[in-house]
Every structure is written in structure tokens, then in C-alpha cells.
């Protein structure tokens, strides 16, 4: 399942997050943990917010990865669908409403 994760760094942790983030290097930043695949991640460096799309078969794997960031930022996690997946769900909902 795909998840959209949005974040906002706690104001008192912004410099700590920045120092940690840049210290990870490219390989470290790409490591989202076992069972999780990074689809894409985008940052708004001006206000210390961002969004990532991640794939995980088991939400526990995703939450294990996010747990290391949770003390430094507010995280919001929601499951998301691609266009065709959303259209299939929409067709099913419309069929149910016709019922």
C-alpha cells in the first residue's frame, strides 16, 4: 500500500533535524527501513515541511521508520491511491449507490 507522509519540524528541533539530515549522505537518506520503499520525497526547506510517498505492505514497517523522526516533527500519514486505483474505487462506490 502507498502512504503519503507529510511533516513539519518542531521549531526547537529544526537545526537538529537539518544537521542530522545532511549528515546521513545520499545512501543514508534513501534508507527508509526494511519493508519500506521510497517512491518520492519533496521538501520545503523554507518552512521545514515536506511530503513523501512510501510503499509498505505492512504499516508496522512504515511506522518503525517514522518512529526515529517522530520526536523531532509532527507527522501525518494517510493511505493513498493512484489514478486508476481511485477510479476503480469510484466505480465500485457508484455501483453500490445504485444498489
PDB file of N, CA and C in Angstrom:
ATOM      1  N   UNK A   1       0.835  -1.166   0.000  1.00  0.00           N
ATOM      2  CA  UNK A   1       0.000   0.000   0.000  1.00  0.00           C
ATOM      3  C   UNK A   1       0.888   1.239   0.000  1.00  0.00           C
ATOM      4  N   UNK A   2       0.401   2.262  -0.692  1.00  0.00           N
ATOM      5  CA  UNK A   2       1.126   3.536  -0.733  1.00  0.00           C
ATOM      6  C   UNK A   2       0.595   4.449   0.367  1.00  0.00           C
ATOM      7  N   UNK A   3       1.528   5.182   0.986  1.00  0.00           N
ATOM      8  CA  UNK A   3       1.184   6.120   2.038  1.00  0.00           C
ATOM      9  C   UNK A   3       1.777   7.481   1.722  1.00  0.00           C
ATOM     10  N   UNK A   4       1.003   8.530   1.983  1.00  0.00           N
ATOM     11  CA  UNK A   4       1.513   9.886   1.892  1.00  0.00           C
ATOM     12  C   UNK A   4       1.835  10.335   3.308  1.00  0.00           C
ATOM     13  N   UNK A   5       3.073  10.743   3.503  1.00  0.00           N
ATOM     14  CA  UNK A   5       3.522  11.227   4.804  1.00  0.00           C
ATOM     15  C   UNK A   5       3.867  12.700   4.648  1.00  0.00           C
ATOM     16  N   UNK A   6       3.218  13.534   5.443  1.00  0.00           N
ATOM     17  CA  UNK A   6       3.587  14.943   5.486  1.00  0.00           C
ATOM     18  C   UNK A   6       4.201  15.226   6.848  1.00  0.00           C
ATOM     19  N   UNK A   7       5.097  16.197   6.886  1.00  0.00           N
ATOM     20  CA  UNK A   7       5.756  16.507   8.147  1.00  0.00           C
ATOM     21  C   UNK A   7       5.973  17.998   8.302  1.00  0.00           C
ATOM     22  N   UNK A   8       6.118  18.389   9.568  1.00  0.00           N
ATOM     23  CA  UNK A   8       6.508  19.741   9.937  1.00  0.00           C
ATOM     24  C   UNK A   8       7.429  19.626  11.138  1.00  0.00           C
ATOM     25  N   UNK A   9       8.648  20.114  10.984  1.00  0.00           N
ATOM     26  CA  UNK A   9       9.625  20.026  12.065  1.00  0.00           C
ATOM     27  C   UNK A   9       9.197  20.903  13.234  1.00  0.00           C
ATOM     28  N   UNK A  10       9.409  20.407  14.447  1.00  0.00           N
ATOM     29  CA  UNK A  10       9.175  21.227  15.633  1.00  0.00           C
ATOM     30  C   UNK A  10      10.156  22.404  15.577  1.00  0.00           C
ATOM     31  N   UNK A  11       9.675  23.617  15.846  1.00  0.00           N
ATOM     32  CA  UNK A  11      10.565  24.786  15.731  1.00  0.00           C
ATOM     33  C   UNK A  11      11.862  24.664  16.520  1.00  0.00           C
ATOM     34  N   UNK A  12      11.817  24.066  17.696  1.00  0.00           N
ATOM     35  CA  UNK A  12      13.032  23.956  18.509  1.00  0.00           C
ATOM     36  C   UNK A  12      13.952  22.828  18.053  1.00  0.00           C
ATOM     37  N   UNK A  13      13.525  22.045  17.054  1.00  0.00           N
ATOM     38  CA  UNK A  13      14.329  20.917  16.560  1.00  0.00           C
ATOM     39  C   UNK A  13      14.840  21.132  15.137  1.00  0.00           C
ATOM     40  N   UNK A  14      14.532  22.266  14.540  1.00  0.00           N
ATOM     41  CA  UNK A  14      14.851  22.483  13.129  1.00  0.00           C
ATOM     42  C   UNK A  14      16.341  22.334  12.822  1.00  0.00           C
ATOM     43  N   UNK A  15      17.194  22.951  13.599  1.00  0.00           N
ATOM     44  CA  UNK A  15      18.631  22.837  13.330  1.00  0.00           C
ATOM     45  C   UNK A  15      19.123  21.421  13.584  1.00  0.00           C
ATOM     46  N   UNK A  16      18.601  20.751  14.608  1.00  0.00           N
ATOM     47  CA  UNK A  16      18.975  19.357  14.857  1.00  0.00           C
ATOM     48  C   UNK A  16      18.598  18.471  13.677  1.00  0.00           C
ATOM     49  N   UNK A  17      17.396  18.682  13.152  1.00  0.00           N
ATOM     50  CA  UNK A  17      16.939  17.894  12.006  1.00  0.00           C
ATOM     51  C   UNK A  17      17.832  18.167  10.800  1.00  0.00           C
ATOM     52  N   UNK A  18      18.129  19.434  10.552  1.00  0.00           N
ATOM     53  CA  UNK A  18      18.965  19.780   9.400  1.00  0.00           C
ATOM     54  C   UNK A  18      20.348  19.137   9.519  1.00  0.00           C
ATOM     55  N   UNK A  19      20.953  19.226  10.690  1.00  0.00           N
ATOM     56  CA  UNK A  19      22.286  18.634  10.884  1.00  0.00           C
ATOM     57  C   UNK A  19      22.249  17.120  10.685  1.00  0.00           C
ATOM     58  N   UNK A  20      21.227  16.483  11.246  1.00  0.00           N
ATOM     59  CA  UNK A  20      21.099  15.029  11.112  1.00  0.00           C
ATOM     60  C   UNK A  20      20.867  14.645   9.653  1.00  0.00           C
ATOM     61  N   UNK A  21      19.962  15.341   8.983  1.00  0.00           N
ATOM     62  CA  UNK A  21      19.596  15.041   7.601  1.00  0.00           C
ATOM     63  C   UNK A  21      20.801  15.112   6.676  1.00  0.00           C
ATOM     64  N   UNK A  22      21.559  16.204   6.765  1.00  0.00           N
ATOM     65  CA  UNK A  22      22.697  16.346   5.851  1.00  0.00           C
ATOM     66  C   UNK A  22      23.832  15.378   6.204  1.00  0.00           C
ATOM     67  N   UNK A  23      23.908  14.960   7.473  1.00  0.00           N
ATOM     68  CA  UNK A  23      24.957  14.024   7.869  1.00  0.00           C
ATOM     69  C   UNK A  23      24.717  12.613   7.343  1.00  0.00           C
ATOM     70  N   UNK A  24      23.492  12.309   6.957  1.00  0.00           N
ATOM     71  CA  UNK A  24      23.162  10.947   6.514  1.00  0.00           C
ATOM     72  C   UNK A  24      23.806  10.575   5.182  1.00  0.00           C
ATOM     73  N   UNK A  25      24.038  11.553   4.333  1.00  0.00           N
ATOM     74  CA  UNK A  25      24.548  11.255   2.998  1.00  0.00           C
ATOM     75  C   UNK A  25      23.434  10.683   2.125  1.00  0.00           C
ATOM     76  N   UNK A  26      23.699  10.564   0.857  1.00  0.00           N
ATOM     77  CA  UNK A  26      22.689  10.116  -0.106  1.00  0.00           C
ATOM     78  C   UNK A  26      22.148   8.729   0.239  1.00  0.00           C
ATOM     79  N   UNK A  27      23.046   7.802   0.535  1.00  0.00           N
ATOM     80  CA  UNK A  27      22.617   6.438   0.842  1.00  0.00           C
ATOM     81  C   UNK A  27      21.799   6.387   2.131  1.00  0.00           C
ATOM     82  N   UNK A  28      22.225   7.108   3.131  1.00  0.00           N
ATOM     83  CA  UNK A  28      21.500   7.140   4.390  1.00  0.00           C
ATOM     84  C   UNK A  28      20.119   7.752   4.263  1.00  0.00           C
ATOM     85  N   UNK A  29      20.013   8.808   3.459  1.00  0.00           N
ATOM     86  CA  UNK A  29      18.703   9.440   3.254  1.00  0.00           C
ATOM     87  C   UNK A  29      17.756   8.529   2.486  1.00  0.00           C
ATOM     88  N   UNK A  30      18.294   7.676   1.640  1.00  0.00           N
ATOM     89  CA  UNK A  30      17.461   6.758   0.857  1.00  0.00           C
ATOM     90  C   UNK A  30      17.004   5.548   1.673  1.00  0.00           C
ATOM     91  N   UNK A  31      17.645   5.297   2.799  1.00  0.00           N
ATOM     92  CA  UNK A  31      17.308   4.131   3.624  1.00  0.00           C
ATOM     93  C   UNK A  31      16.065   4.419   4.456  1.00  0.00           C
ATOM     94  N   UNK A  32      14.945   3.856   4.052  1.00  0.00           N
ATOM     95  CA  UNK A  32      13.677   4.051   4.767  1.00  0.00           C
ATOM     96  C   UNK A  32      13.293   2.805   5.550  1.00  0.00           C
ATOM     97  N   UNK A  33      14.225   1.890   5.690  1.00  0.00           N
ATOM     98  CA  UNK A  33      13.998   0.723   6.523  1.00  0.00           C
ATOM     99  C   UNK A  33      13.510  -0.491   5.751  1.00  0.00           C
ATOM    100  N   UNK A  34      13.664  -1.626   6.396  1.00  0.00           N
ATOM    101  CA  UNK A  34      13.246  -2.898   5.802  1.00  0.00           C
ATOM    102  C   UNK A  34      11.732  -2.906   5.606  1.00  0.00           C
ATOM    103  N   UNK A  35      11.318  -3.362   4.427  1.00  0.00           N
ATOM    104  CA  UNK A  35       9.897  -3.475   4.137  1.00  0.00           C
ATOM    105  C   UNK A  35       9.251  -2.207   3.628  1.00  0.00           C
ATOM    106  N   UNK A  36      10.044  -1.137   3.475  1.00  0.00           N
ATOM    107  CA  UNK A  36       9.515   0.147   3.015  1.00  0.00           C
ATOM    108  C   UNK A  36      10.300   0.587   1.786  1.00  0.00           C
ATOM    109  N   UNK A  37       9.577   1.133   0.807  1.00  0.00           N
ATOM    110  CA  UNK A  37      10.227   1.648  -0.403  1.00  0.00           C
ATOM    111  C   UNK A  37       9.842   3.105  -0.584  1.00  0.00           C
ATOM    112  N   UNK A  38      10.828   3.953  -0.797  1.00  0.00           N
ATOM    113  CA  UNK A  38      10.595   5.369  -1.052  1.00  0.00           C
ATOM    114  C   UNK A  38      10.210   5.556  -2.515  1.00  0.00           C
ATOM    115  N   UNK A  39       9.056   6.125  -2.758  1.00  0.00           N
ATOM    116  CA  UNK A  39       8.630   6.443  -4.120  1.00  0.00           C
ATOM    117  C   UNK A  39       9.096   7.848  -4.485  1.00  0.00           C
ATOM    118  N   UNK A  40       8.967   8.769  -3.553  1.00  0.00           N
ATOM    119  CA  UNK A  40       9.437  10.132  -3.784  1.00  0.00           C
ATOM    120  C   UNK A  40       9.298  10.955  -2.522  1.00  0.00           C
ATOM    121  N   UNK A  41      10.134  11.998  -2.423  1.00  0.00           N
ATOM    122  CA  UNK A  41      10.103  12.858  -1.234  1.00  0.00           C
ATOM    123  C   UNK A  41      10.433  14.276  -1.686  1.00  0.00           C
ATOM    124  N   UNK A  42       9.670  15.240  -1.166  1.00  0.00           N
ATOM    125  CA  UNK A  42       9.839  16.634  -1.525  1.00  0.00           C
ATOM    126  C   UNK A  42       9.860  17.481  -0.261  1.00  0.00           C
ATOM    127  N   UNK A  43      10.716  18.493  -0.260  1.00  0.00           N
ATOM    128  CA  UNK A  43      10.940  19.323   0.920  1.00  0.00           C
ATOM    129  C   UNK A  43      10.640  20.780   0.625  1.00  0.00           C
ATOM    130  N   UNK A  44      10.083  21.461   1.614  1.00  0.00           N
ATOM    131  CA  UNK A  44      10.002  22.913   1.592  1.00  0.00           C
ATOM    132  C   UNK A  44      10.986  23.390   2.660  1.00  0.00           C
ATOM    133  N   UNK A  45      12.197  23.647   2.235  1.00  0.00           N
ATOM    134  CA  UNK A  45      13.259  23.977   3.179  1.00  0.00           C
ATOM    135  C   UNK A  45      13.019  25.302   3.897  1.00  0.00           C
ATOM    136  N   UNK A  46      12.235  26.183   3.308  1.00  0.00           N
ATOM    137  CA  UNK A  46      11.979  27.489   3.929  1.00  0.00           C
ATOM    138  C   UNK A  46      11.154  27.365   5.207  1.00  0.00           C
ATOM    139  N   UNK A  47      10.219  26.414   5.238  1.00  0.00           N
ATOM    140  CA  UNK A  47       9.372  26.291   6.429  1.00  0.00           C
ATOM    141  C   UNK A  47       9.479  24.926   7.108  1.00  0.00           C
ATOM    142  N   UNK A  48      10.458  24.121   6.707  1.00  0.00           N
ATOM    143  CA  UNK A  48      10.749  22.839   7.355  1.00  0.00           C
ATOM    144  C   UNK A  48       9.549  21.888   7.322  1.00  0.00           C
ATOM    145  N   UNK A  49       8.912  21.834   6.164  1.00  0.00           N
ATOM    146  CA  UNK A  49       7.815  20.892   5.947  1.00  0.00           C
ATOM    147  C   UNK A  49       8.150  20.058   4.720  1.00  0.00           C
ATOM    148  N   UNK A  50       7.370  19.015   4.507  1.00  0.00           N
ATOM    149  CA  UNK A  50       7.578  18.215   3.312  1.00  0.00           C
ATOM    150  C   UNK A  50       6.549  17.119   3.182  1.00  0.00           C
ATOM    151  N   UNK A  51       6.706  16.361   2.102  1.00  0.00           N
ATOM    152  CA  UNK A  51       5.805  15.258   1.803  1.00  0.00           C
ATOM    153  C   UNK A  51       6.610  14.126   1.181  1.00  0.00           C
ATOM    154  N   UNK A  52       6.234  12.907   1.505  1.00  0.00           N
ATOM    155  CA  UNK A  52       6.851  11.730   0.907  1.00  0.00           C
ATOM    156  C   UNK A  52       5.762  10.738   0.560  1.00  0.00           C
ATOM    157  N   UNK A  53       5.988   9.986  -0.502  1.00  0.00           N
ATOM    158  CA  UNK A  53       5.136   8.854  -0.846  1.00  0.00           C
ATOM    159  C   UNK A  53       5.998   7.610  -0.633  1.00  0.00           C
ATOM    160  N   UNK A  54       5.502   6.713   0.210  1.00  0.00           N
ATOM    161  CA  UNK A  54       6.229   5.497   0.554  1.00  0.00           C
ATOM    162  C   UNK A  54       5.320   4.299   0.332  1.00  0.00           C
ATOM    163  N   UNK A  55       5.932   3.162   0.029  1.00  0.00           N
ATOM    164  CA  UNK A  55       5.192   1.911  -0.141  1.00  0.00           C
ATOM    165  C   UNK A  55       5.594   0.957   0.965  1.00  0.00           C
ATOM    166  N   UNK A  56       4.599   0.330   1.574  1.00  0.00           N
ATOM    167  CA  UNK A  56       4.856  -0.699   2.580  1.00  0.00           C
ATOM    168  C   UNK A  56       3.707  -1.693   2.553  1.00  0.00           C
ATOM    169  N   UNK A  57       4.033  -2.974   2.548  1.00  0.00           N
ATOM    170  CA  UNK A  57       2.998  -3.998   2.641  1.00  0.00           C
ATOM    171  C   UNK A  57       2.412  -4.040   4.043  1.00  0.00           C
ATOM    172  N   UNK A  58       3.237  -3.710   5.017  1.00  0.00           N
ATOM    173  CA  UNK A  58       2.820  -3.757   6.421  1.00  0.00           C
ATOM    174  C   UNK A  58       3.076  -2.388   7.035  1.00  0.00           C
ATOM    175  N   UNK A  59       2.034  -1.744   7.530  1.00  0.00           N
ATOM    176  CA  UNK A  59       2.165  -0.412   8.117  1.00  0.00           C
ATOM    177  C   UNK A  59       3.145  -0.404   9.286  1.00  0.00           C
ATOM    178  N   UNK A  60       3.325  -1.526   9.954  1.00  0.00           N
ATOM    179  CA  UNK A  60       4.268  -1.574  11.073  1.00  0.00           C
ATOM    180  C   UNK A  60       5.679  -1.240  10.610  1.00  0.00           C
ATOM    181  N   UNK A  61       6.049  -1.671   9.414  1.00  0.00           N
ATOM    182  CA  UNK A  61       7.380  -1.346   8.886  1.00  0.00           C
ATOM    183  C   UNK A  61       7.519   0.160   8.671  1.00  0.00           C
ATOM    184  N   UNK A  62       6.471   0.772   8.136  1.00  0.00           N
ATOM    185  CA  UNK A  62       6.494   2.218   7.907  1.00  0.00           C
ATOM    186  C   UNK A  62       6.605   2.964   9.231  1.00  0.00           C
ATOM    187  N   UNK A  63       5.814   2.566  10.202  1.00  0.00           N
ATOM    188  CA  UNK A  63       5.831   3.262  11.487  1.00  0.00           C
ATOM    189  C   UNK A  63       7.146   3.059  12.235  1.00  0.00           C
ATOM    190  N   UNK A  64       7.815   1.949  11.996  1.00  0.00           N
ATOM    191  CA  UNK A  64       9.140   1.739  12.590  1.00  0.00           C
ATOM    192  C   UNK A  64      10.110   2.780  12.043  1.00  0.00           C
ATOM    193  N   UNK A  65      10.073   3.004  10.731  1.00  0.00           N
ATOM    194  CA  UNK A  65      10.937   4.020  10.127  1.00  0.00           C
ATOM    195  C   UNK A  65      10.573   5.422  10.641  1.00  0.00           C
ATOM    196  N   UNK A  66       9.294   5.736  10.658  1.00  0.00           N
ATOM    197  CA  UNK A  66       8.868   7.070  11.068  1.00  0.00           C
ATOM    198  C   UNK A  66       9.142   7.346  12.538  1.00  0.00           C
ATOM    199  N   UNK A  67       9.239   6.289  13.328  1.00  0.00           N
ATOM    200  CA  UNK A  67       9.476   6.454  14.750  1.00  0.00           C
ATOM    201  C   UNK A  67      10.746   7.215  15.090  1.00  0.00           C
ATOM    202  N   UNK A  68      11.755   7.124  14.218  1.00  0.00           N
ATOM    203  CA  UNK A  68      13.001   7.845  14.516  1.00  0.00           C
ATOM    204  C   UNK A  68      12.869   9.339  14.254  1.00  0.00           C
ATOM    205  N   UNK A  69      11.876   9.723  13.469  1.00  0.00           N
ATOM    206  CA  UNK A  69      11.665  11.146  13.176  1.00  0.00           C
ATOM    207  C   UNK A  69      10.601  11.772  14.077  1.00  0.00           C
ATOM    208  N   UNK A  70       9.720  10.962  14.611  1.00  0.00           N
ATOM    209  CA  UNK A  70       8.576  11.463  15.379  1.00  0.00           C
ATOM    210  C   UNK A  70       8.947  12.378  16.547  1.00  0.00           C
ATOM    211  N   UNK A  71      10.061  12.161  17.257  1.00  0.00           N
ATOM    212  CA  UNK A  71      10.384  13.084  18.354  1.00  0.00           C
ATOM    213  C   UNK A  71      10.758  14.492  17.885  1.00  0.00           C
ATOM    214  N   UNK A  72      11.043  14.647  16.583  1.00  0.00           N
ATOM    215  CA  UNK A  72      11.524  15.928  16.079  1.00  0.00           C
ATOM    216  C   UNK A  72      10.528  16.663  15.199  1.00  0.00           C
ATOM    217  N   UNK A  73       9.434  15.995  14.847  1.00  0.00           N
ATOM    218  CA  UNK A  73       8.492  16.611  13.915  1.00  0.00           C
ATOM    219  C   UNK A  73       7.109  16.017  14.074  1.00  0.00           C
ATOM    220  N   UNK A  74       6.120  16.781  13.636  1.00  0.00           N
ATOM    221  CA  UNK A  74       4.757  16.275  13.559  1.00  0.00           C
ATOM    222  C   UNK A  74       4.609  15.554  12.231  1.00  0.00           C
ATOM    223  N   UNK A  75       4.061  14.350  12.277  1.00  0.00           N
ATOM    224  CA  UNK A  75       3.895  13.525  11.081  1.00  0.00           C
ATOM    225  C   UNK A  75       2.416  13.229  10.871  1.00  0.00           C
ATOM    226  N   UNK A  76       2.006  13.252   9.623  1.00  0.00           N
ATOM    227  CA  UNK A  76       0.651  12.869   9.252  1.00  0.00           C
ATOM    228  C   UNK A  76       0.773  11.785   8.182  1.00  0.00           C
ATOM    229  N   UNK A  77       0.114  10.648   8.386  1.00  0.00           N
ATOM    230  CA  UNK A  77       0.232   9.506   7.483  1.00  0.00           C
ATOM    231  C   UNK A  77      -1.166   9.111   7.001  1.00  0.00           C
ATOM    232  N   UNK A  78      -1.326   9.043   5.681  1.00  0.00           N
ATOM    233  CA  UNK A  78      -2.598   8.595   5.107  1.00  0.00           C
ATOM    234  C   UNK A  78      -2.334   7.651   3.943  1.00  0.00           C
ATOM    235  N   UNK A  79      -3.158   6.591   3.810  1.00  0.00           N
ATOM    236  CA  UNK A  79      -3.027   5.736   2.625  1.00  0.00           C
ATOM    237  C   UNK A  79      -3.529   6.508   1.406  1.00  0.00           C
ATOM    238  N   UNK A  80      -2.882   6.289   0.271  1.00  0.00           N
ATOM    239  CA  UNK A  80      -3.266   6.982  -0.960  1.00  0.00           C
ATOM    240  C   UNK A  80      -3.343   5.998  -2.121  1.00  0.00           C
ATOM    241  N   UNK A  81      -4.088   6.398  -3.144  1.00  0.00           N
ATOM    242  CA  UNK A  81      -4.283   5.592  -4.347  1.00  0.00           C
ATOM    243  C   UNK A  81      -3.792   6.354  -5.566  1.00  0.00           C
ATOM    244  N   UNK A  82      -3.324   5.621  -6.563  1.00  0.00           N
ATOM    245  CA  UNK A  82      -3.001   6.225  -7.856  1.00  0.00           C
ATOM    246  C   UNK A  82      -4.301   6.443  -8.626  1.00  0.00           C
ATOM    247  N   UNK A  83      -4.219   7.146  -9.756  1.00  0.00           N
ATOM    248  CA  UNK A  83      -5.413   7.499 -10.531  1.00  0.00           C
ATOM    249  C   UNK A  83      -6.308   6.307 -10.840  1.00  0.00           C
ATOM    250  N   UNK A  84      -5.735   5.268 -11.424  1.00  0.00           N
ATOM    251  CA  UNK A  84      -6.556   4.123 -11.835  1.00  0.00           C
ATOM    252  C   UNK A  84      -7.152   3.385 -10.641  1.00  0.00           C
ATOM    253  N   UNK A  85      -6.382   3.302  -9.551  1.00  0.00           N
ATOM    254  CA  UNK A  85      -6.914   2.681  -8.334  1.00  0.00           C
ATOM    255  C   UNK A  85      -8.096   3.490  -7.814  1.00  0.00           C
ATOM    256  N   UNK A  86      -7.955   4.799  -7.819  1.00  0.00           N
ATOM    257  CA  UNK A  86      -9.019   5.683  -7.363  1.00  0.00           C
ATOM    258  C   UNK A  86     -10.256   5.561  -8.252  1.00  0.00           C
ATOM    259  N   UNK A  87     -10.044   5.448  -9.554  1.00  0.00           N
ATOM    260  CA  UNK A  87     -11.176   5.302 -10.482  1.00  0.00           C
ATOM    261  C   UNK A  87     -11.909   3.982 -10.234  1.00  0.00           C
ATOM    262  N   UNK A  88     -11.179   2.900  -9.966  1.00  0.00           N
ATOM    263  CA  UNK A  88     -11.833   1.612  -9.660  1.00  0.00           C
ATOM    264  C   UNK A  88     -12.679   1.716  -8.393  1.00  0.00           C
ATOM    265  N   UNK A  89     -12.133   2.367  -7.392  1.00  0.00           N
ATOM    266  CA  UNK A  89     -12.891   2.554  -6.154  1.00  0.00           C
ATOM    267  C   UNK A  89     -14.127   3.404  -6.427  1.00  0.00           C
ATOM    268  N   UNK A  90     -13.957   4.450  -7.195  1.00  0.00           N
ATOM    269  CA  UNK A  90     -15.095   5.308  -7.543  1.00  0.00           C
ATOM    270  C   UNK A  90     -16.194   4.546  -8.269  1.00  0.00           C
ATOM    271  N   UNK A  91     -15.810   3.692  -9.215  1.00  0.00           N
ATOM    272  CA  UNK A  91     -16.807   2.879  -9.936  1.00  0.00           C
ATOM    273  C   UNK A  91     -17.543   1.952  -8.971  1.00  0.00           C
ATOM    274  N   UNK A  92     -16.805   1.363  -8.027  1.00  0.00           N
ATOM    275  CA  UNK A  92     -17.422   0.468  -7.048  1.00  0.00           C
ATOM    276  C   UNK A  92     -18.395   1.226  -6.142  1.00  0.00           C
ATOM    277  N   UNK A  93     -18.008   2.417  -5.721  1.00  0.00           N
ATOM    278  CA  UNK A  93     -18.895   3.228  -4.878  1.00  0.00           C
ATOM    279  C   UNK A  93     -20.154   3.590  -5.645  1.00  0.00           C
ATOM    280  N   UNK A  94     -20.022   4.001  -6.892  1.00  0.00           N
ATOM    281  CA  UNK A  94     -21.201   4.354  -7.702  1.00  0.00           C
ATOM    282  C   UNK A  94     -22.091   3.143  -7.906  1.00  0.00           C
ATOM    283  N   UNK A  95     -21.514   1.967  -8.135  1.00  0.00           N
ATOM    284  CA  UNK A  95     -22.316   0.750  -8.284  1.00  0.00           C
ATOM    285  C   UNK A  95     -23.058   0.430  -6.990  1.00  0.00           C
ATOM    286  N   UNK A  96     -22.397   0.612  -5.859  1.00  0.00           N
ATOM    287  CA  UNK A  96     -23.054   0.370  -4.566  1.00  0.00           C
ATOM    288  C   UNK A  96     -24.208   1.335  -4.344  1.00  0.00           C
ATOM    289  N   UNK A  97     -24.046   2.576  -4.771  1.00  0.00           N
ATOM    290  CA  UNK A  97     -25.107   3.569  -4.578  1.00  0.00           C
ATOM    291  C   UNK A  97     -26.333   3.260  -5.443  1.00  0.00           C
ATOM    292  N   UNK A  98     -26.093   2.674  -6.612  1.00  0.00           N
ATOM    293  CA  UNK A  98     -27.208   2.273  -7.484  1.00  0.00           C
ATOM    294  C   UNK A  98     -27.983   1.134  -6.835  1.00  0.00           C
ATOM    295  N   UNK A  99     -27.220   0.304  -6.110  1.00  0.00           N
ATOM    296  CA  UNK A  99     -27.634  -0.828  -5.351  1.00  0.00           C
ATOM    297  C   UNK A  99     -28.873  -1.460  -5.596  1.00  0.00           C
TER     298      UNK A  99
END
